Amino acid sequence: SASIFSINAMAWFRQAPGKQRELVALITSSGTITY
């Protein structure tokens, strides 16, 4: 939403049945990316 200001990170997580939620990929406001 455009009403959200000053987002410092966005990411994708995933969760499969019987498994823990895990970080898939993340990108910060400074451009740092992790997979």
Full PDB file with SEQRES, HELIX, SHEET, SSBOND, CRYST1, ORIGX, SCALE, CONECT and MASTER records, all heavy atoms in Angstrom:
SEQRES   1 A   35  SER ALA SER ILE PHE SER ILE ASN ALA MET ALA TRP PHE          
SEQRES   2 A   35  ARG GLN ALA PRO GLY LYS GLN ARG GLU LEU VAL ALA LEU          
SEQRES   3 A   35  ILE THR SER SER GLY THR ILE THR TYR                          
SHEET    1 AA1 3 ALA A   9  ARG A  14  0                                        
SHEET    2 AA1 3 GLU A  22  THR A  28 -1                                        
SHEET    3 AA1 3 ILE A  33  THR A  34 -1                                        
CRYST1    1.000    1.000    1.000  90.00  90.00  90.00 P 1           1          
ORIGX1      1.000000  0.000000  0.000000        0.00000                         
ORIGX2      0.000000  1.000000  0.000000        0.00000                         
ORIGX3      0.000000  0.000000  1.000000        0.00000                         
SCALE1      1.000000  0.000000  0.000000        0.00000                         
SCALE2      0.000000  1.000000  0.000000        0.00000                         
SCALE3      0.000000  0.000000  1.000000        0.00000                         
ATOM      1  N   SER A   1       0.825  -1.200   0.000  1.00  0.00           N  
ATOM      2  CA  SER A   1       0.000   0.000   0.000  1.00  0.00           C  
ATOM      3  C   SER A   1       0.860   1.252   0.000  1.00  0.00           C  
ATOM      4  O   SER A   1       1.897   1.315   0.666  1.00  0.00           O  
ATOM      5  CB  SER A   1      -0.927   0.003   1.211  1.00  0.00           C  
ATOM      6  OG  SER A   1      -1.609   1.235   1.328  1.00  0.00           O  
ATOM      7  N   ALA A   2       0.403   2.253  -0.742  1.00  0.00           N  
ATOM      8  CA  ALA A   2       1.106   3.530  -0.753  1.00  0.00           C  
ATOM      9  C   ALA A   2       1.067   4.216   0.602  1.00  0.00           C  
ATOM     10  O   ALA A   2       1.840   5.148   0.840  1.00  0.00           O  
ATOM     11  CB  ALA A   2       0.514   4.442  -1.816  1.00  0.00           C  
ATOM     12  N   SER A   3       0.189   3.755   1.475  1.00  0.00           N  
ATOM     13  CA  SER A   3       0.114   4.332   2.811  1.00  0.00           C  
ATOM     14  C   SER A   3       1.250   3.876   3.717  1.00  0.00           C  
ATOM     15  O   SER A   3       1.422   4.434   4.803  1.00  0.00           O  
ATOM     16  CB  SER A   3      -1.224   3.991   3.465  1.00  0.00           C  
ATOM     17  OG  SER A   3      -1.348   2.603   3.695  1.00  0.00           O  
ATOM     18  N   ILE A   4       1.998   2.869   3.288  1.00  0.00           N  
ATOM     19  CA  ILE A   4       3.152   2.410   4.051  1.00  0.00           C  
ATOM     20  C   ILE A   4       4.359   3.253   3.648  1.00  0.00           C  
ATOM     21  O   ILE A   4       4.760   3.267   2.486  1.00  0.00           O  
ATOM     22  CB  ILE A   4       3.449   0.926   3.818  1.00  0.00           C  
ATOM     23  CG1 ILE A   4       2.226   0.072   4.177  1.00  0.00           C  
ATOM     24  CG2 ILE A   4       4.665   0.489   4.625  1.00  0.00           C  
ATOM     25  CD1 ILE A   4       2.401  -1.394   3.869  1.00  0.00           C  
ATOM     26  N   PHE A   5       4.931   3.915   4.599  1.00  0.00           N  
ATOM     27  CA  PHE A   5       6.080   4.772   4.336  1.00  0.00           C  
ATOM     28  C   PHE A   5       7.343   4.199   4.969  1.00  0.00           C  
ATOM     29  O   PHE A   5       7.294   3.444   5.930  1.00  0.00           O  
ATOM     30  CB  PHE A   5       5.826   6.185   4.870  1.00  0.00           C  
ATOM     31  CG  PHE A   5       4.680   6.890   4.205  1.00  0.00           C  
ATOM     32  CD1 PHE A   5       3.443   6.951   4.808  1.00  0.00           C  
ATOM     33  CD2 PHE A   5       4.859   7.493   2.971  1.00  0.00           C  
ATOM     34  CE1 PHE A   5       2.383   7.599   4.201  1.00  0.00           C  
ATOM     35  CE2 PHE A   5       3.806   8.149   2.346  1.00  0.00           C  
ATOM     36  CZ  PHE A   5       2.566   8.198   2.968  1.00  0.00           C  
ATOM     37  N   SER A   6       8.443   4.585   4.406  1.00  0.00           N  
ATOM     38  CA  SER A   6       9.759   4.250   4.957  1.00  0.00           C  
ATOM     39  C   SER A   6       9.963   2.750   5.111  1.00  0.00           C  
ATOM     40  O   SER A   6      10.443   2.274   6.142  1.00  0.00           O  
ATOM     41  CB  SER A   6       9.959   4.954   6.307  1.00  0.00           C  
ATOM     42  OG  SER A   6       9.890   6.361   6.164  1.00  0.00           O  
ATOM     43  N   ILE A   7       9.612   2.005   4.079  1.00  0.00           N  
ATOM     44  CA  ILE A   7       9.884   0.569   4.074  1.00  0.00           C  
ATOM     45  C   ILE A   7      11.396   0.368   3.955  1.00  0.00           C  
ATOM     46  O   ILE A   7      12.023   0.877   3.024  1.00  0.00           O  
ATOM     47  CB  ILE A   7       9.165  -0.132   2.915  1.00  0.00           C  
ATOM     48  CG1 ILE A   7       7.651  -0.067   3.122  1.00  0.00           C  
ATOM     49  CG2 ILE A   7       9.623  -1.581   2.796  1.00  0.00           C  
ATOM     50  CD1 ILE A   7       6.852  -0.613   1.961  1.00  0.00           C  
ATOM     51  N   ASN A   8      11.963  -0.359   4.895  1.00  0.00           N  
ATOM     52  CA  ASN A   8      13.404  -0.582   4.850  1.00  0.00           C  
ATOM     53  C   ASN A   8      13.798  -1.959   4.338  1.00  0.00           C  
ATOM     54  O   ASN A   8      14.971  -2.196   4.064  1.00  0.00           O  
ATOM     55  CB  ASN A   8      14.060  -0.310   6.207  1.00  0.00           C  
ATOM     56  CG  ASN A   8      13.459  -1.119   7.336  1.00  0.00           C  
ATOM     57  OD1 ASN A   8      13.077  -2.270   7.164  1.00  0.00           O  
ATOM     58  ND2 ASN A   8      13.388  -0.513   8.511  1.00  0.00           N  
ATOM     59  N   ALA A   9      12.828  -2.865   4.198  1.00  0.00           N  
ATOM     60  CA  ALA A   9      13.123  -4.174   3.644  1.00  0.00           C  
ATOM     61  C   ALA A   9      11.846  -4.830   3.146  1.00  0.00           C  
ATOM     62  O   ALA A   9      10.779  -4.668   3.743  1.00  0.00           O  
ATOM     63  CB  ALA A   9      13.799  -5.077   4.674  1.00  0.00           C  
ATOM     64  N   MET A  10      11.951  -5.572   2.062  1.00  0.00           N  
ATOM     65  CA  MET A  10      10.872  -6.420   1.591  1.00  0.00           C  
ATOM     66  C   MET A  10      11.462  -7.790   1.294  1.00  0.00           C  
ATOM     67  O   MET A  10      12.624  -7.894   0.898  1.00  0.00           O  
ATOM     68  CB  MET A  10      10.190  -5.843   0.354  1.00  0.00           C  
ATOM     69  CG  MET A  10       9.503  -4.517   0.608  1.00  0.00           C  
ATOM     70  SD  MET A  10       8.505  -3.927  -0.796  1.00  0.00           S  
ATOM     71  CE  MET A  10       7.097  -5.053  -0.686  1.00  0.00           C  
ATOM     72  N   ALA A  11      10.661  -8.812   1.494  1.00  0.00           N  
ATOM     73  CA  ALA A  11      11.180 -10.163   1.366  1.00  0.00           C  
ATOM     74  C   ALA A  11      10.085 -11.128   0.970  1.00  0.00           C  
ATOM     75  O   ALA A  11       8.887 -10.831   1.069  1.00  0.00           O  
ATOM     76  CB  ALA A  11      11.817 -10.611   2.687  1.00  0.00           C  
ATOM     77  N   TRP A  12      10.521 -12.279   0.514  1.00  0.00           N  
ATOM     78  CA  TRP A  12       9.645 -13.412   0.258  1.00  0.00           C  
ATOM     79  C   TRP A  12      10.019 -14.545   1.209  1.00  0.00           C  
ATOM     80  O   TRP A  12      11.197 -14.907   1.320  1.00  0.00           O  
ATOM     81  CB  TRP A  12       9.761 -13.909  -1.185  1.00  0.00           C  
ATOM     82  CG  TRP A  12       9.184 -12.970  -2.189  1.00  0.00           C  
ATOM     83  CD1 TRP A  12       9.834 -12.026  -2.916  1.00  0.00           C  
ATOM     84  CD2 TRP A  12       7.809 -12.896  -2.584  1.00  0.00           C  
ATOM     85  NE1 TRP A  12       8.965 -11.364  -3.740  1.00  0.00           N  
ATOM     86  CE2 TRP A  12       7.708 -11.879  -3.554  1.00  0.00           C  
ATOM     87  CE3 TRP A  12       6.653 -13.590  -2.215  1.00  0.00           C  
ATOM     88  CZ2 TRP A  12       6.503 -11.527  -4.164  1.00  0.00           C  
ATOM     89  CZ3 TRP A  12       5.451 -13.246  -2.817  1.00  0.00           C  
ATOM     90  CH2 TRP A  12       5.389 -12.226  -3.776  1.00  0.00           C  
ATOM     91  N   PHE A  13       9.016 -15.064   1.886  1.00  0.00           N  
ATOM     92  CA  PHE A  13       9.140 -16.262   2.691  1.00  0.00           C  
ATOM     93  C   PHE A  13       8.287 -17.357   2.060  1.00  0.00           C  
ATOM     94  O   PHE A  13       7.414 -17.085   1.237  1.00  0.00           O  
ATOM     95  CB  PHE A  13       8.669 -16.025   4.129  1.00  0.00           C  
ATOM     96  CG  PHE A  13       9.591 -15.176   4.960  1.00  0.00           C  
ATOM     97  CD1 PHE A  13       9.657 -13.805   4.785  1.00  0.00           C  
ATOM     98  CD2 PHE A  13      10.383 -15.760   5.938  1.00  0.00           C  
ATOM     99  CE1 PHE A  13      10.494 -13.027   5.553  1.00  0.00           C  
ATOM    100  CE2 PHE A  13      11.229 -14.991   6.719  1.00  0.00           C  
ATOM    101  CZ  PHE A  13      11.287 -13.618   6.527  1.00  0.00           C  
ATOM    102  N   ARG A  14       8.529 -18.588   2.453  1.00  0.00           N  
ATOM    103  CA  ARG A  14       7.660 -19.673   2.022  1.00  0.00           C  
ATOM    104  C   ARG A  14       7.489 -20.671   3.154  1.00  0.00           C  
ATOM    105  O   ARG A  14       8.344 -20.814   4.021  1.00  0.00           O  
ATOM    106  CB  ARG A  14       8.200 -20.373   0.770  1.00  0.00           C  
ATOM    107  CG  ARG A  14       9.491 -21.151   0.955  1.00  0.00           C  
ATOM    108  CD  ARG A  14       9.981 -21.675  -0.398  1.00  0.00           C  
ATOM    109  NE  ARG A  14      11.202 -22.440  -0.271  1.00  0.00           N  
ATOM    110  CZ  ARG A  14      11.912 -22.894  -1.294  1.00  0.00           C  
ATOM    111  NH1 ARG A  14      11.499 -22.651  -2.546  1.00  0.00           N  
ATOM    112  NH2 ARG A  14      13.016 -23.587  -1.089  1.00  0.00           N  
ATOM    113  N   GLN A  15       6.353 -21.355   3.111  1.00  0.00           N  
ATOM    114  CA  GLN A  15       6.063 -22.364   4.106  1.00  0.00           C  
ATOM    115  C   GLN A  15       5.372 -23.546   3.439  1.00  0.00           C  
ATOM    116  O   GLN A  15       4.325 -23.386   2.808  1.00  0.00           O  
ATOM    117  CB  GLN A  15       5.186 -21.810   5.228  1.00  0.00           C  
ATOM    118  CG  GLN A  15       5.002 -22.780   6.371  1.00  0.00           C  
ATOM    119  CD  GLN A  15       4.569 -22.091   7.656  1.00  0.00           C  
ATOM    120  OE1 GLN A  15       3.986 -21.014   7.623  1.00  0.00           O  
ATOM    121  NE2 GLN A  15       4.866 -22.715   8.774  1.00  0.00           N  
ATOM    122  N   ALA A  16       5.979 -24.704   3.568  1.00  0.00           N  
ATOM    123  CA  ALA A  16       5.420 -25.940   3.056  1.00  0.00           C  
ATOM    124  C   ALA A  16       4.841 -26.740   4.216  1.00  0.00           C  
ATOM    125  O   ALA A  16       5.281 -26.587   5.362  1.00  0.00           O  
ATOM    126  CB  ALA A  16       6.488 -26.750   2.331  1.00  0.00           C  
ATOM    127  N   PRO A  17       3.862 -27.603   3.945  1.00  0.00           N  
ATOM    128  CA  PRO A  17       3.282 -28.407   5.024  1.00  0.00           C  
ATOM    129  C   PRO A  17       4.334 -29.199   5.784  1.00  0.00           C  
ATOM    130  O   PRO A  17       5.189 -29.856   5.189  1.00  0.00           O  
ATOM    131  CB  PRO A  17       2.315 -29.334   4.286  1.00  0.00           C  
ATOM    132  CG  PRO A  17       1.959 -28.585   3.047  1.00  0.00           C  
ATOM    133  CD  PRO A  17       3.210 -27.856   2.657  1.00  0.00           C  
ATOM    134  N   GLY A  18       4.278 -29.125   7.108  1.00  0.00           N  
ATOM    135  CA  GLY A  18       5.199 -29.864   7.943  1.00  0.00           C  
ATOM    136  C   GLY A  18       6.582 -29.269   8.063  1.00  0.00           C  
ATOM    137  O   GLY A  18       7.453 -29.875   8.697  1.00  0.00           O  
ATOM    138  N   LYS A  19       6.803 -28.111   7.467  1.00  0.00           N  
ATOM    139  CA  LYS A  19       8.114 -27.488   7.514  1.00  0.00           C  
ATOM    140  C   LYS A  19       8.022 -26.088   8.111  1.00  0.00           C  
ATOM    141  O   LYS A  19       6.965 -25.463   8.119  1.00  0.00           O  
ATOM    142  CB  LYS A  19       8.734 -27.417   6.115  1.00  0.00           C  
ATOM    143  CG  LYS A  19       9.019 -28.771   5.494  1.00  0.00           C  
ATOM    144  CD  LYS A  19       9.739 -28.626   4.166  1.00  0.00           C  
ATOM    145  CE  LYS A  19      10.073 -29.979   3.566  1.00  0.00           C  
ATOM    146  NZ  LYS A  19      10.793 -29.831   2.280  1.00  0.00           N  
ATOM    147  N   GLN A  20       9.148 -25.612   8.602  1.00  0.00           N  
ATOM    148  CA  GLN A  20       9.224 -24.270   9.156  1.00  0.00           C  
ATOM    149  C   GLN A  20       9.181 -23.231   8.040  1.00  0.00           C  
ATOM    150  O   GLN A  20       9.628 -23.477   6.919  1.00  0.00           O  
ATOM    151  CB  GLN A  20      10.511 -24.102   9.965  1.00  0.00           C  
ATOM    152  CG  GLN A  20      10.616 -25.017  11.170  1.00  0.00           C  
ATOM    153  CD  GLN A  20       9.631 -24.656  12.244  1.00  0.00           C  
ATOM    154  OE1 GLN A  20       9.399 -23.484  12.523  1.00  0.00           O  
ATOM    155  NE2 GLN A  20       9.030 -25.672  12.851  1.00  0.00           N  
ATOM    156  N   ARG A  21       8.633 -22.077   8.365  1.00  0.00           N  
ATOM    157  CA  ARG A  21       8.680 -20.973   7.436  1.00  0.00           C  
ATOM    158  C   ARG A  21      10.137 -20.566   7.222  1.00  0.00           C  
ATOM    159  O   ARG A  21      10.917 -20.469   8.178  1.00  0.00           O  
ATOM    160  CB  ARG A  21       7.870 -19.795   7.967  1.00  0.00           C  
ATOM    161  CG  ARG A  21       7.815 -18.599   7.036  1.00  0.00           C  
ATOM    162  CD  ARG A  21       6.871 -17.523   7.558  1.00  0.00           C  
ATOM    163  NE  ARG A  21       5.498 -18.001   7.612  1.00  0.00           N  
ATOM    164  CZ  ARG A  21       4.468 -17.269   8.016  1.00  0.00           C  
ATOM    165  NH1 ARG A  21       4.661 -16.020   8.405  1.00  0.00           N  
ATOM    166  NH2 ARG A  21       3.248 -17.791   8.028  1.00  0.00           N  
ATOM    167  N   GLU A  22      10.509 -20.336   5.978  1.00  0.00           N  
ATOM    168  CA  GLU A  22      11.888 -19.998   5.679  1.00  0.00           C  
ATOM    169  C   GLU A  22      11.968 -18.759   4.799  1.00  0.00           C  
ATOM    170  O   GLU A  22      11.086 -18.497   3.976  1.00  0.00           O  
ATOM    171  CB  GLU A  22      12.609 -21.165   4.992  1.00  0.00           C  
ATOM    172  CG  GLU A  22      12.079 -21.517   3.619  1.00  0.00           C  
ATOM    173  CD  GLU A  22      12.919 -22.552   2.895  1.00  0.00           C  
ATOM    174  OE1 GLU A  22      14.117 -22.684   3.205  1.00  0.00           O  
ATOM    175  OE2 GLU A  22      12.364 -23.242   2.014  1.00  0.00           O  
ATOM    176  N   LEU A  23      13.035 -18.023   4.979  1.00  0.00           N  
ATOM    177  CA  LEU A  23      13.315 -16.871   4.136  1.00  0.00           C  
ATOM    178  C   LEU A  23      13.809 -17.350   2.781  1.00  0.00           C  
ATOM    179  O   LEU A  23      14.740 -18.147   2.699  1.00  0.00           O  
ATOM    180  CB  LEU A  23      14.363 -15.978   4.792  1.00  0.00           C  
ATOM    181  CG  LEU A  23      14.851 -14.789   3.965  1.00  0.00           C  
ATOM    182  CD1 LEU A  23      13.734 -13.781   3.759  1.00  0.00           C  
ATOM    183  CD2 LEU A  23      16.052 -14.123   4.635  1.00  0.00           C  
ATOM    184  N   VAL A  24      13.185 -16.863   1.724  1.00  0.00           N  
ATOM    185  CA  VAL A  24      13.579 -17.206   0.367  1.00  0.00           C  
ATOM    186  C   VAL A  24      14.521 -16.147  -0.205  1.00  0.00           C  
ATOM    187  O   VAL A  24      15.585 -16.466  -0.740  1.00  0.00           O  
ATOM    188  CB  VAL A  24      12.353 -17.366  -0.546  1.00  0.00           C  
ATOM    189  CG1 VAL A  24      12.777 -17.656  -1.982  1.00  0.00           C  
ATOM    190  CG2 VAL A  24      11.443 -18.470  -0.019  1.00  0.00           C  
ATOM    191  N   ALA A  25      14.116 -14.896  -0.116  1.00  0.00           N  
ATOM    192  CA  ALA A  25      14.910 -13.796  -0.654  1.00  0.00           C  
ATOM    193  C   ALA A  25      14.510 -12.512   0.030  1.00  0.00           C  
ATOM    194  O   ALA A  25      13.354 -12.327   0.401  1.00  0.00           O  
ATOM    195  CB  ALA A  25      14.726 -13.665  -2.168  1.00  0.00           C  
ATOM    196  N   LEU A  26      15.462 -11.615   0.191  1.00  0.00           N  
ATOM    197  CA  LEU A  26      15.226 -10.339   0.857  1.00  0.00           C  
ATOM    198  C   LEU A  26      15.988  -9.238   0.146  1.00  0.00           C  
ATOM    199  O   LEU A  26      17.116  -9.453  -0.309  1.00  0.00           O  
ATOM    200  CB  LEU A  26      15.659 -10.422   2.326  1.00  0.00           C  
ATOM    201  CG  LEU A  26      15.514  -9.163   3.186  1.00  0.00           C  
ATOM    202  CD1 LEU A  26      15.139  -9.538   4.620  1.00  0.00           C  
ATOM    203  CD2 LEU A  26      16.807  -8.348   3.192  1.00  0.00           C  
ATOM    204  N   ILE A  27      15.380  -8.068   0.064  1.00  0.00           N  
ATOM    205  CA  ILE A  27      16.045  -6.902  -0.494  1.00  0.00           C  
ATOM    206  C   ILE A  27      15.799  -5.727   0.431  1.00  0.00           C  
ATOM    207  O   ILE A  27      14.671  -5.468   0.848  1.00  0.00           O  
ATOM    208  CB  ILE A  27      15.577  -6.615  -1.941  1.00  0.00           C  
ATOM    209  CG1 ILE A  27      16.363  -5.442  -2.538  1.00  0.00           C  
ATOM    210  CG2 ILE A  27      14.079  -6.379  -2.011  1.00  0.00           C  
ATOM    211  CD1 ILE A  27      16.183  -5.309  -4.045  1.00  0.00           C  
ATOM    212  N   THR A  28      16.852  -5.001   0.775  1.00  0.00           N  
ATOM    213  CA  THR A  28      16.754  -3.866   1.677  1.00  0.00           C  
ATOM    214  C   THR A  28      16.654  -2.570   0.890  1.00  0.00           C  
ATOM    215  O   THR A  28      16.856  -2.529  -0.322  1.00  0.00           O  
ATOM    216  CB  THR A  28      17.960  -3.790   2.619  1.00  0.00           C  
ATOM    217  OG1 THR A  28      19.123  -3.409   1.865  1.00  0.00           O  
ATOM    218  CG2 THR A  28      18.214  -5.127   3.298  1.00  0.00           C  
ATOM    219  N   SER A  29      16.351  -1.493   1.597  1.00  0.00           N  
ATOM    220  CA  SER A  29      16.252  -0.187   0.960  1.00  0.00           C  
ATOM    221  C   SER A  29      17.581   0.272   0.383  1.00  0.00           C  
ATOM    222  O   SER A  29      17.603   1.079  -0.549  1.00  0.00           O  
ATOM    223  CB  SER A  29      15.731   0.847   1.960  1.00  0.00           C  
ATOM    224  OG  SER A  29      16.585   0.948   3.080  1.00  0.00           O  
ATOM    225  N   SER A  30      18.676  -0.230   0.918  1.00  0.00           N  
ATOM    226  CA  SER A  30      19.995   0.115   0.407  1.00  0.00           C  
ATOM    227  C   SER A  30      20.416  -0.752  -0.773  1.00  0.00           C  
ATOM    228  O   SER A  30      21.473  -0.519  -1.354  1.00  0.00           O  
ATOM    229  CB  SER A  30      21.038   0.007   1.517  1.00  0.00           C  
ATOM    230  OG  SER A  30      21.159  -1.321   1.974  1.00  0.00           O  
ATOM    231  N   GLY A  31      19.607  -1.755  -1.109  1.00  0.00           N  
ATOM    232  CA  GLY A  31      19.896  -2.596  -2.254  1.00  0.00           C  
ATOM    233  C   GLY A  31      20.564  -3.909  -1.940  1.00  0.00           C  
ATOM    234  O   GLY A  31      20.871  -4.678  -2.868  1.00  0.00           O  
ATOM    235  N   THR A  32      20.797  -4.201  -0.684  1.00  0.00           N  
ATOM    236  CA  THR A  32      21.402  -5.472  -0.316  1.00  0.00           C  
ATOM    237  C   THR A  32      20.413  -6.611  -0.527  1.00  0.00           C  
ATOM    238  O   THR A  32      19.265  -6.528  -0.102  1.00  0.00           O  
ATOM    239  CB  THR A  32      21.864  -5.448   1.146  1.00  0.00           C  
ATOM    240  OG1 THR A  32      22.817  -4.395   1.324  1.00  0.00           O  
ATOM    241  CG2 THR A  32      22.507  -6.775   1.527  1.00  0.00           C  
ATOM    242  N   ILE A  33      20.860  -7.666  -1.165  1.00  0.00           N  
ATOM    243  CA  ILE A  33      20.011  -8.810  -1.492  1.00  0.00           C  
ATOM    244  C   ILE A  33      20.610 -10.072  -0.894  1.00  0.00           C  
ATOM    245  O   ILE A  33      21.823 -10.295  -0.964  1.00  0.00           O  
ATOM    246  CB  ILE A  33      19.866  -8.970  -3.014  1.00  0.00           C  
ATOM    247  CG1 ILE A  33      19.145  -7.763  -3.619  1.00  0.00           C  
ATOM    248  CG2 ILE A  33      19.130 -10.266  -3.345  1.00  0.00           C  
ATOM    249  CD1 ILE A  33      19.103  -7.759  -5.131  1.00  0.00           C  
ATOM    250  N   THR A  34      19.750 -10.878  -0.304  1.00  0.00           N  
ATOM    251  CA  THR A  34      20.156 -12.187   0.189  1.00  0.00           C  
ATOM    252  C   THR A  34      19.185 -13.238  -0.325  1.00  0.00           C  
ATOM    253  O   THR A  34      18.000 -12.969  -0.515  1.00  0.00           O  
ATOM    254  CB  THR A  34      20.209 -12.236   1.722  1.00  0.00           C  
ATOM    255  OG1 THR A  34      18.919 -11.903   2.261  1.00  0.00           O  
ATOM    256  CG2 THR A  34      21.240 -11.260   2.263  1.00  0.00           C  
ATOM    257  N   TYR A  35      19.710 -14.445  -0.542  1.00  0.00           N  
ATOM    258  CA  TYR A  35      18.910 -15.574  -0.995  1.00  0.00           C  
ATOM    259  C   TYR A  35      19.174 -16.784  -0.121  1.00  0.00           C  
ATOM    260  O   TYR A  35      20.277 -16.972   0.401  1.00  0.00           O  
ATOM    261  CB  TYR A  35      19.249 -15.966  -2.433  1.00  0.00           C  
ATOM    262  CG  TYR A  35      18.914 -14.943  -3.485  1.00  0.00           C  
ATOM    263  CD1 TYR A  35      19.901 -14.127  -4.024  1.00  0.00           C  
ATOM    264  CD2 TYR A  35      17.614 -14.803  -3.958  1.00  0.00           C  
ATOM    265  CE1 TYR A  35      19.604 -13.196  -5.002  1.00  0.00           C  
ATOM    266  CE2 TYR A  35      17.311 -13.871  -4.928  1.00  0.00           C  
ATOM    267  CZ  TYR A  35      18.307 -13.073  -5.450  1.00  0.00           C  
ATOM    268  OH  TYR A  35      18.002 -12.154  -6.420  1.00  0.00           O  
TER     269      TYR A  35                                                      
MASTER        0    0    0    0    3    0    0    6  268    1    0    3          
END                                                                             
